[in-house]
Structures are given as structure tokens and as C-alpha cells.
Amino acid sequence: MGILVGRKRALLLYYYYVVPLLLFLFFVQTFSLVSALNYTTKQQVSSLRLDRIRRHLDKINKPPVITIPSPDGDIIDCVHKRKQPALDHPLLKNHKIQKVAPEMPKFKKKREENDEMGSSSSSSSSSSSNSGSSNEVKGAMLMQMWHTNGTRRCPKGTVPIRRSTTHDVLRAKSLFDFGKKQRNTNSLLHRRRREDAPDVVSGNGHEHAIAYTGSSEEVYGAKATINVWDPSIEVVNEFSLSQIWVLSGSFDGSDLNSIEAGWQVSPELYGDSRPRLFTYWTDPKLGNWWMGFGDNTLVGYWPAELFTHLADHATMVEWGGEVVNSRPNGEHTSTQMGSGHFAEDGFGKASYFRNLEVVDSDNSLSSVRGISTLAENTNCYNIKSFYNDQWGTYFYYGGPGKNPQCP
């Protein structure tokens, strides 16, 4: 999956749930997989709570122009672009939807053929492993499940949006938590992270294996190619994701801006075990942050009005994986990161990011060199980075979670 994100350009992002991403296109990438968990909500719900949930859903599920049922059970509503939920945000009350696509960043520097940090790698997508299938988008778009239902497509001027349901809300801890990431920036885990390698979601059981740039650069976009797996999730309220973080602000969490994009498996959020494209953002000179997918497809953008520090540029980019470890039964979770293989298992088994690039102030892409890597618990999940002229800067990452060395 190739993703690009940038200010006034195309920058890598990912879809989390209902977010203020103004969409020209919207898609949730899914794969046909057999669910290993029971996601059905079996709880007694009071009529008062149901009424609150329905009122909330009435606000976020906008009246569709047409509705398209998907074979996987999702309902896709084709909503007029001016009625999309993003425009409900109070900071976007007077926002004018951008109709002119930005100029895509061009690669500026030829990759060097020396200083190779690792073995050569094939640019083809990985073969499947015991944990599931791997897919990589190179130019052509992968078919979405709801596109297989005949030839119906959303009409011009509308945005396809997955309809939120009562069961979606009931899987969350509360209506307030619905569609939000859990975070605890005051946790011991967060304080243990190196100051020059911050992450906005450390703590609260979140574990990572990431590569990152320095914290003093001016970054206007980031790009990478990510292969997609179907990691197993041990319990419903855990998730596993692979994404890019674009960050700016104070890394103590007080006023950090973050834009994120990639793929994730989240049973609590979606009610299944399928990997899906997602985006996420936080917000405590005019320039929108755009998201591109594949080679030439622009998905949408985050308006500059939503941000403080990121309204101008980013100062750090992170690439990598994240899981939630809720320690079921008092032991480390067996929820997998990436493919479920450690980095040293390499091509065809371990998950990877390749061709890491950033966008500078001239709207030029350049290969990232000299990245740092970090994993909180290398016995559970790890990461190893390399460089060659074919894949540029790349890394393998992931792991199985619980194992004899990760009790």
C-alpha cells in the first residue's frame, strides 16, 4: 500500500473512523478473511442508552443520495460532499472545499548505489505466511469489497462512507470513546521513551516498533510503501496497525499535533478481523495536508484550520507498527504486529515499509537516510532497518507478541 501525505501537497495519512478528512474519494480496503473472534455484542442495553446512541448516529450518519450494501456486511452511504461529517467540525464551519488537486511531489535526488546497509530485496510483494496474506499496492488500486456488488458506484459529487451502527458503538467502552484512540501520555511507558523519539499514543498498553526522523527538521510530507497483512487479534478491544505518523508540537503531549495513516485490524471498531485503510488526527500560513494512495489517487485532505503547529509544517515523521497489549489473563497479549514474524525473518515472512521518503519546502521528495529505530519490548516485537538502491531506506518489523521470551 503506497501512501503519501503533505501540506499543499500529498502527505501520508490513514483512516481511523469518522475524522475531519474532507474526502473526494473514500475507501476502506478489506480482504476476505474468516473471523477468529466473536464480535457480536451480547449485553443488556437500557432504552435510555439506546436512545442516546441512536441520536448520535443520526448526527454522524448523513442522509445518503444512494446506499450500497457490501458483501462483507458493511453499508456504504453515498453522501453529498457538502453534507459529509467532516464539515460538522466547529473549526470548519466556513471552510470552502478545495476542488483543485495539489501538485504531487516529485522525487528530487537519485538514490545512491553505495553505502548499502542491508541485503538486496525484491520489489515484488511478499508471499503469504502462516499468519495470513500479504498485499502491496503498486499503482493499481486493490478492489474494495463493496465494489464487487455489481457495477454500482457512488455518483459524482458524493462521498462513500461506511455507515456506523448501534453495534459499532456498543463495542466501544462508551459513547464518548466511540471512534477514539485510547491514550495516556503520563504513563511510565511514555516517560521511558527517548525524548527525541516521541509517540502520541504511548502508554495505556500500546507497544510499537517504529523508525523515525530527527525532531528538528521542517517536513512538508512523507511517503512509504507498506505491505498489508492480516495479524491475529487475541481479544476484541485490542488492535494491530501499521502506519505513518506526521508530528509537530511539544512531545510531552500538551500541544502535539498528529496526522496518521495506514492500515489496521480493529475488532472493536469494525466488528471483524479485516485489515482496513484508516486515518487519524489530533489537534490541541494556509496549507492543507493531503492524503494520497497508490501512485496518483488523492483521497482527501485535512484543512489547515484544524491545527496549530501542523498548520505550517511537521518536525518529525515516524513509520512502523503499533498494537494494544491489554495483558489478557495477566500475560502479554498474543496479538500480532505486522505479519506476526520478527524482523529477522525477512522478506516473504516479516512485514516491511520500503522507500521511506519525505517532502521538503520545494515540494520535492527525497529518500530518508539516517533514520533511528525503537521498540519498547524487542522480545515481543522488533524492527531492523537497511538501505539499498532498489528499496531505498526500508525496514522489517513486527512479532508474535506472547512467546517464551515474551511472557
Protein backbone atom coordinates (compact mmCIF):
# COMPACT_ATOMS: atom_id res chain seq x y z
CA MET A 1 0.00 0.00 0.00
CA GLY A 2 1.62 3.24 -1.12
CA ILE A 3 0.66 6.27 0.97
CA LEU A 4 1.70 9.92 0.66
CA VAL A 5 0.80 12.87 2.89
CA GLY A 6 1.79 16.55 2.59
CA ARG A 7 0.97 20.23 3.19
CA LYS A 8 -0.42 21.79 -0.02
CA ARG A 9 0.85 18.55 -1.45
CA ALA A 10 0.20 14.87 -0.88
CA LEU A 11 1.12 13.51 2.55
CA LEU A 12 0.74 10.01 4.00
CA LEU A 13 -2.23 9.55 6.31
CA TYR A 14 -4.57 6.78 7.38
CA TYR A 15 -8.28 6.41 8.16
CA TYR A 16 -9.27 5.67 11.74
CA TYR A 17 -13.01 6.35 11.87
CA VAL A 18 -15.14 9.45 11.34
CA VAL A 19 -12.45 12.14 11.11
CA PRO A 20 -12.37 15.67 9.71
CA LEU A 21 -10.79 14.50 6.47
CA LEU A 22 -12.53 16.19 3.56
CA LEU A 23 -12.97 13.45 1.02
CA PHE A 24 -13.15 13.46 -2.74
CA LEU A 25 -12.79 9.68 -2.59
CA PHE A 26 -13.18 7.43 0.40
CA PHE A 27 -12.41 3.77 0.62
CA VAL A 28 -11.86 1.10 3.27
CA GLN A 29 -9.60 -1.63 1.94
CA THR A 30 -10.81 -5.07 3.04
CA PHE A 31 -9.81 -8.65 2.38
CA SER A 32 -11.94 -11.78 2.56
CA LEU A 33 -10.88 -13.42 5.82
CA VAL A 34 -12.55 -15.74 8.31
CA SER A 35 -13.01 -14.08 11.67
CA ALA A 36 -11.47 -15.93 14.61
CA LEU A 37 -13.25 -13.90 17.28
CA ASN A 38 -16.87 -13.50 18.23
CA TYR A 39 -17.58 -9.81 17.70
CA THR A 40 -21.32 -9.99 18.38
CA THR A 41 -22.38 -7.71 21.19
CA LYS A 42 -24.31 -9.67 23.80
CA GLN A 43 -25.14 -7.19 26.51
CA GLN A 44 -28.24 -5.83 28.10
CA VAL A 45 -28.73 -2.23 26.98
CA SER A 46 -31.16 0.18 28.55
CA SER A 47 -33.64 2.00 26.35
CA LEU A 48 -32.16 5.31 27.56
CA ARG A 49 -28.67 4.35 26.35
CA LEU A 50 -30.05 3.10 23.04
CA ASP A 51 -31.83 6.41 22.54
CA ARG A 52 -28.57 8.33 23.15
CA ILE A 53 -26.72 6.09 20.70
CA ARG A 54 -29.37 6.48 18.02
CA ARG A 55 -29.36 10.27 18.38
CA HIS A 56 -25.59 10.27 17.98
CA LEU A 57 -25.78 8.01 14.92
CA ASP A 58 -28.40 10.29 13.40
CA LYS A 59 -25.84 13.11 13.60
CA ILE A 60 -22.89 11.27 12.06
CA ASN A 61 -24.75 9.09 9.52
CA LYS A 62 -25.75 11.72 6.99
CA PRO A 63 -28.73 11.18 4.66
CA PRO A 64 -27.36 9.34 1.62
CA VAL A 65 -28.08 10.03 -2.02
CA ILE A 66 -27.95 6.27 -2.56
CA THR A 67 -26.95 3.31 -0.37
CA ILE A 68 -24.82 0.35 -1.49
CA PRO A 69 -24.74 -2.89 0.56
CA SER A 70 -21.34 -4.60 0.67
CA PRO A 71 -20.92 -8.40 0.58
CA ASP A 72 -18.98 -8.25 3.86
CA GLY A 73 -21.96 -6.74 5.70
CA ASP A 74 -20.94 -3.08 5.59
CA ILE A 75 -23.39 -0.47 4.39
CA ILE A 76 -21.89 2.24 2.17
CA ASP A 77 -23.76 5.55 2.11
CA CYS A 78 -23.08 7.88 -0.81
CA VAL A 79 -23.33 11.29 0.91
CA HIS A 80 -23.25 14.65 -0.86
CA LYS A 81 -19.76 16.11 -0.39
CA ARG A 82 -21.14 19.21 1.32
CA LYS A 83 -23.01 17.03 3.83
CA GLN A 84 -20.05 14.87 4.88
CA PRO A 85 -19.43 14.57 8.66
CA ALA A 86 -16.06 16.34 8.44
CA LEU A 87 -17.85 19.65 7.93
CA ASP A 88 -19.59 19.28 11.31
CA HIS A 89 -16.33 20.25 13.00
CA PRO A 90 -16.71 23.75 14.51
CA LEU A 91 -13.38 24.90 13.01
CA LEU A 92 -14.67 24.05 9.52
CA LYS A 93 -17.92 25.98 9.77
CA ASN A 94 -16.87 28.38 7.00
CA HIS A 95 -14.49 26.08 5.16
CA LYS A 96 -14.60 26.06 1.38
CA ILE A 97 -13.99 22.61 -0.06
CA GLN A 98 -10.87 22.56 -2.21
CA LYS A 99 -11.62 21.40 -5.75
CA VAL A 100 -8.20 21.80 -7.34
CA ALA A 101 -5.80 18.96 -6.63
CA PRO A 102 -2.30 19.93 -5.48
CA GLU A 103 0.82 19.22 -7.47
CA MET A 104 2.20 15.85 -6.45
CA PRO A 105 5.74 15.93 -5.04
CA LYS A 106 8.46 14.76 -7.41
CA PHE A 107 11.50 12.72 -6.46
CA LYS A 108 14.50 15.06 -6.41
CA LYS A 109 17.56 13.02 -5.58
CA LYS A 110 18.76 9.90 -7.34
CA ARG A 111 19.21 7.09 -4.89
CA GLU A 112 22.85 6.37 -4.23
CA GLU A 113 24.13 2.94 -5.12
CA ASN A 114 26.76 2.77 -2.41
CA ASP A 115 26.58 2.78 1.39
CA GLU A 116 24.24 -0.18 1.31
CA MET A 117 23.13 -1.11 4.81
CA GLY A 118 21.47 -4.41 4.07
CA SER A 119 20.94 -7.17 1.56
CA SER A 120 19.14 -6.54 -1.73
CA SER A 121 15.42 -7.07 -1.74
CA SER A 122 12.96 -7.85 -4.49
CA SER A 123 10.35 -5.15 -5.11
CA SER A 124 7.59 -7.71 -5.55
CA SER A 125 5.05 -8.18 -2.80
CA SER A 126 5.69 -10.73 -0.10
CA SER A 127 4.33 -14.23 -0.22
CA SER A 128 1.81 -15.35 2.35
CA SER A 129 2.88 -16.62 5.76
CA ASN A 130 1.25 -18.67 8.48
CA SER A 131 -0.48 -15.60 9.82
CA GLY A 132 -2.24 -14.66 6.61
CA SER A 133 -1.86 -12.94 3.27
CA SER A 134 0.32 -10.00 2.28
CA ASN A 135 -0.61 -7.38 -0.29
CA GLU A 136 1.17 -4.35 -1.68
CA VAL A 137 -0.32 -1.66 -3.85
CA LYS A 138 1.92 -0.50 -6.70
CA GLY A 139 -0.03 1.89 -8.90
CA ALA A 140 -3.25 -0.09 -9.36
CA MET A 141 -5.87 0.08 -6.65
CA LEU A 142 -6.90 -3.03 -4.76
CA MET A 143 -10.57 -3.86 -5.18
CA GLN A 144 -12.85 -2.86 -2.34
CA MET A 145 -15.40 -5.36 -1.14
CA TRP A 146 -18.37 -3.10 -1.83
CA HIS A 147 -17.22 -2.64 -5.44
CA THR A 148 -17.87 -6.33 -6.07
CA ASN A 149 -21.60 -5.89 -5.62
CA GLY A 150 -22.49 -5.46 -9.28
CA THR A 151 -21.30 -2.29 -11.01
CA ARG A 152 -22.79 0.32 -8.68
CA ARG A 153 -20.59 3.26 -7.72
CA CYS A 154 -21.28 6.43 -5.80
CA PRO A 155 -22.46 9.24 -8.10
CA LYS A 156 -20.23 12.20 -8.89
CA GLY A 157 -20.31 14.85 -6.16
CA THR A 158 -20.88 12.31 -3.36
CA VAL A 159 -18.56 10.67 -0.84
CA PRO A 160 -18.77 6.93 0.01
CA ILE A 161 -18.83 6.48 3.80
CA ARG A 162 -19.21 3.30 5.82
CA ARG A 163 -22.39 3.59 7.90
CA SER A 164 -21.88 3.45 11.68
CA THR A 165 -24.24 1.12 13.53
CA THR A 166 -25.51 0.61 17.07
CA HIS A 167 -23.31 -2.48 17.37
CA ASP A 168 -20.27 -0.40 16.41
CA VAL A 169 -20.95 1.93 19.33
CA LEU A 170 -21.71 -0.89 21.78
CA ARG A 171 -18.32 -2.48 21.11
CA ALA A 172 -16.68 0.72 22.38
CA LYS A 173 -16.31 1.33 26.11
CA SER A 174 -18.73 4.24 25.93
CA LEU A 175 -20.36 6.62 23.50
CA PHE A 176 -17.66 9.15 24.39
CA ASP A 177 -14.88 6.67 23.50
CA PHE A 178 -16.50 5.59 20.24
CA GLY A 179 -14.06 6.05 17.34
CA LYS A 180 -11.25 7.38 19.55
CA LYS A 181 -7.84 6.01 20.34
CA GLN A 182 -7.05 5.40 23.99
CA ARG A 183 -4.06 7.34 25.20
CA ASN A 184 -2.23 8.03 28.44
CA THR A 185 0.68 10.41 27.90
CA ASN A 186 1.56 10.44 31.62
CA SER A 187 2.26 6.72 31.80
CA LEU A 188 5.60 5.20 32.80
CA LEU A 189 5.92 3.77 29.29
CA HIS A 190 5.65 7.22 27.75
CA ARG A 191 8.26 8.67 30.12
CA ARG A 192 10.63 5.82 29.29
CA ARG A 193 10.63 6.63 25.57
CA ARG A 194 13.61 8.63 24.34
CA GLU A 195 12.84 12.34 24.18
CA ASP A 196 13.86 12.51 20.52
CA ALA A 197 11.57 9.62 19.57
CA PRO A 198 8.15 10.62 20.86
CA ASP A 199 4.90 8.95 20.01
CA VAL A 200 1.45 10.35 20.63
CA VAL A 201 -0.13 7.07 21.70
CA SER A 202 2.42 5.59 24.11
CA GLY A 203 1.11 4.16 27.34
CA ASN A 204 -2.18 2.51 28.17
CA GLY A 205 -0.80 -0.80 26.87
CA HIS A 206 0.32 0.50 23.48
CA GLU A 207 3.52 -1.06 22.12
CA HIS A 208 5.45 -0.06 19.00
CA ALA A 209 8.21 -0.88 16.57
CA ILE A 210 9.00 2.32 14.69
CA ALA A 211 11.56 4.16 12.57
CA TYR A 212 11.74 7.94 12.90
CA THR A 213 13.45 11.09 11.64
CA GLY A 214 15.08 13.77 13.77
CA SER A 215 12.88 16.22 15.64
CA SER A 216 14.31 19.47 14.24
CA GLU A 217 13.56 19.15 10.53
CA GLU A 218 10.94 21.06 8.55
CA VAL A 219 8.90 18.34 6.87
CA TYR A 220 6.07 19.00 4.41
CA GLY A 221 5.11 15.44 3.64
CA ALA A 222 6.07 11.80 3.97
CA LYS A 223 5.72 8.70 1.86
CA ALA A 224 6.27 4.94 2.05
CA THR A 225 5.13 1.66 0.55
CA ILE A 226 3.66 -0.70 3.14
CA ASN A 227 2.72 -4.32 2.60
CA VAL A 228 -0.55 -5.38 4.20
CA TRP A 229 -1.12 -8.47 6.37
CA ASP A 230 -3.93 -9.85 8.49
CA PRO A 231 -2.43 -10.13 12.01
CA SER A 232 -4.46 -12.09 14.55
CA ILE A 233 -6.00 -10.21 17.48
CA GLU A 234 -6.34 -12.03 20.81
CA VAL A 235 -9.17 -10.03 22.38
CA VAL A 236 -11.77 -7.74 20.86
CA ASN A 237 -10.60 -4.49 22.50
CA GLU A 238 -7.05 -4.79 21.13
CA PHE A 239 -5.84 -3.74 17.68
CA SER A 240 -2.83 -4.01 15.41
CA LEU A 241 -1.86 -1.31 12.92
CA SER A 242 0.90 -0.17 10.59
CA GLN A 243 1.06 3.49 9.73
CA ILE A 244 2.90 6.77 9.23
CA TRP A 245 2.86 9.47 11.89
CA VAL A 246 3.41 13.13 10.90
CA LEU A 247 4.07 15.19 14.02
CA SER A 248 4.72 18.70 15.28
CA GLY A 249 4.48 20.45 18.61
CA SER A 250 5.56 19.64 22.15
CA PHE A 251 6.23 15.95 22.54
CA ASP A 252 5.20 15.90 26.18
CA GLY A 253 1.67 15.60 24.81
CA SER A 254 0.43 19.02 25.91
CA ASP A 255 0.01 20.51 22.43
CA LEU A 256 1.18 17.86 20.00
CA ASN A 257 -0.39 17.79 16.53
CA SER A 258 -0.51 14.43 14.78
CA ILE A 259 -1.72 13.17 11.42
CA GLU A 260 -1.60 9.42 10.88
CA ALA A 261 -2.45 6.99 8.09
CA GLY A 262 -2.03 3.31 7.25
CA TRP A 263 -3.91 0.03 7.77
CA GLN A 264 -5.24 -1.65 10.86
CA VAL A 265 -7.17 -4.61 12.22
CA SER A 266 -9.55 -3.46 14.96
CA PRO A 267 -12.35 -5.85 16.02
CA GLU A 268 -13.76 -3.35 18.50
CA LEU A 269 -14.00 -0.60 15.91
CA TYR A 270 -15.17 -2.53 12.85
CA GLY A 271 -16.57 -5.78 14.23
CA ASP A 272 -14.32 -8.01 12.10
CA SER A 273 -10.70 -9.07 11.57
CA ARG A 274 -10.15 -7.47 8.17
CA PRO A 275 -7.27 -5.03 7.57
CA ARG A 276 -8.64 -1.62 6.60
CA LEU A 277 -7.21 1.67 5.40
CA PHE A 278 -7.65 4.33 8.08
CA THR A 279 -6.72 7.89 9.02
CA TYR A 280 -6.48 9.65 12.35
CA TRP A 281 -5.59 13.12 13.58
CA THR A 282 -5.18 15.16 16.78
CA ASP A 283 -5.34 18.91 17.31
CA PRO A 284 -4.86 20.60 20.75
CA LYS A 285 0.22 30.08 6.92
CA LEU A 286 -2.56 28.40 4.99
CA GLY A 287 -1.72 24.87 3.93
CA ASN A 288 -3.89 21.74 3.85
CA TRP A 289 -2.50 18.27 4.48
CA TRP A 290 -3.43 15.92 1.65
CA MET A 291 -3.56 12.15 1.56
CA GLY A 292 -2.60 10.12 -1.49
CA PHE A 293 -2.98 6.38 -2.02
CA GLY A 294 -1.11 4.35 -4.61
CA ASP A 295 0.65 6.40 -7.29
CA ASN A 296 -1.87 9.02 -8.39
CA THR A 297 -5.04 8.76 -6.29
CA LEU A 298 -5.79 11.65 -3.91
CA VAL A 299 -8.16 10.62 -1.14
CA GLY A 300 -8.78 13.99 0.52
CA TYR A 301 -7.21 16.49 2.89
CA TRP A 302 -7.06 17.81 6.44
CA PRO A 303 -7.80 21.57 6.38
CA ALA A 304 -5.16 23.81 7.96
CA GLU A 305 -7.81 25.28 10.27
CA LEU A 306 -7.72 22.08 12.33
CA PHE A 307 -4.13 22.53 13.50
CA THR A 308 -1.79 24.76 15.43
CA HIS A 309 1.77 23.53 14.79
CA LEU A 310 0.91 21.42 11.75
CA ALA A 311 -0.74 24.40 10.08
CA ASP A 312 2.70 25.23 8.66
CA HIS A 313 4.91 22.12 8.65
CA ALA A 314 5.83 18.97 10.57
CA THR A 315 9.02 18.42 12.54
CA MET A 316 9.09 14.63 12.74
CA VAL A 317 7.89 11.58 10.83
CA GLU A 318 7.50 8.06 12.21
CA TRP A 319 6.83 4.85 10.29
CA GLY A 320 6.00 1.49 11.85
CA GLY A 321 3.64 -0.71 13.80
CA GLU A 322 1.55 -0.46 16.94
CA VAL A 323 -0.53 -2.87 18.99
CA VAL A 324 -2.53 -2.73 22.18
CA ASN A 325 -1.40 -5.12 24.90
CA SER A 326 -4.23 -5.40 27.42
CA ARG A 327 -2.46 -8.34 29.14
CA PRO A 328 -5.39 -10.78 28.99
CA ASN A 329 -5.19 -13.33 31.81
CA GLY A 330 -2.28 -11.39 33.28
CA GLU A 331 0.11 -12.30 30.44
CA HIS A 332 1.37 -10.45 27.39
CA THR A 333 -1.13 -10.49 24.54
CA SER A 334 -0.62 -12.80 21.58
CA THR A 335 -1.94 -10.07 19.27
CA GLN A 336 0.45 -9.94 16.32
CA MET A 337 2.18 -6.90 14.85
CA GLY A 338 2.73 -6.78 11.09
CA SER A 339 2.72 -10.36 9.82
CA GLY A 340 3.35 -11.88 13.25
CA HIS A 341 7.00 -12.57 12.33
CA PHE A 342 10.04 -10.87 13.83
CA ALA A 343 12.11 -8.57 11.64
CA GLU A 344 14.97 -11.05 11.24
CA ASP A 345 12.66 -13.46 9.38
CA GLY A 346 12.99 -11.09 6.42
CA PHE A 347 11.36 -10.99 3.02
CA GLY A 348 8.32 -13.19 2.45
CA LYS A 349 7.66 -13.57 6.18
CA ALA A 350 8.21 -10.31 8.05
CA SER A 351 6.18 -7.17 7.31
CA TYR A 352 8.02 -4.17 5.87
CA PHE A 353 8.00 -0.49 4.95
CA ARG A 354 10.13 0.43 1.93
CA ASN A 355 11.18 3.56 0.05
CA LEU A 356 10.81 5.92 3.02
CA GLU A 357 10.68 9.48 1.69
CA VAL A 358 9.94 12.99 2.95
CA VAL A 359 8.78 16.17 1.20
CA ASP A 360 10.76 19.41 1.60
CA SER A 361 9.67 23.04 1.25
CA ASP A 362 10.24 22.88 -2.52
CA ASN A 363 7.64 20.09 -2.82
CA SER A 364 10.40 17.61 -3.64
CA LEU A 365 10.61 14.03 -2.40
CA SER A 366 13.93 12.72 -1.16
CA SER A 367 14.91 9.37 0.26
CA VAL A 368 15.26 9.34 4.05
CA ARG A 369 18.73 8.47 5.30
CA GLY A 370 19.96 8.03 8.84
CA ILE A 371 16.71 7.01 10.47
CA SER A 372 16.61 5.81 14.08
CA THR A 373 14.57 2.83 15.27
CA LEU A 374 12.84 1.99 18.53
CA ALA A 375 10.83 -0.89 20.01
CA GLU A 376 9.79 -0.93 23.65
CA ASN A 377 10.00 -4.72 24.05
CA THR A 378 12.14 -6.47 21.42
CA ASN A 379 11.25 -9.90 22.83
CA CYS A 380 7.67 -9.28 21.71
CA TYR A 381 8.03 -7.02 18.63
CA ASN A 382 11.16 -5.68 16.95
CA ILE A 383 12.47 -3.69 13.97
CA LYS A 384 15.60 -3.74 11.76
CA SER A 385 16.43 -1.10 9.14
CA PHE A 386 18.50 -1.29 5.93
CA TYR A 387 19.29 0.60 2.73
CA ASN A 388 19.83 -0.39 -0.89
CA ASP A 389 19.33 1.35 -4.22
CA GLN A 390 16.18 -0.65 -5.06
CA TRP A 391 14.16 -0.16 -1.87
CA GLY A 392 15.96 2.94 -0.60
CA THR A 393 15.64 3.11 3.18
CA TYR A 394 13.47 0.24 4.39
CA PHE A 395 12.85 -1.89 7.44
CA TYR A 396 11.29 -5.13 8.57
CA TYR A 397 9.29 -5.10 11.79
CA GLY A 398 6.69 -6.95 13.87
CA GLY A 399 6.39 -10.01 16.02
CA PRO A 400 4.03 -12.56 17.56
CA GLY A 401 3.56 -10.94 20.94
CA LYS A 402 3.38 -13.62 23.63
CA ASN A 403 6.12 -16.27 23.31
CA PRO A 404 8.62 -17.97 25.70
CA GLN A 405 10.77 -14.81 25.72
CA CYS A 406 7.73 -12.52 25.98
CA PRO A 407 5.63 -13.98 28.80
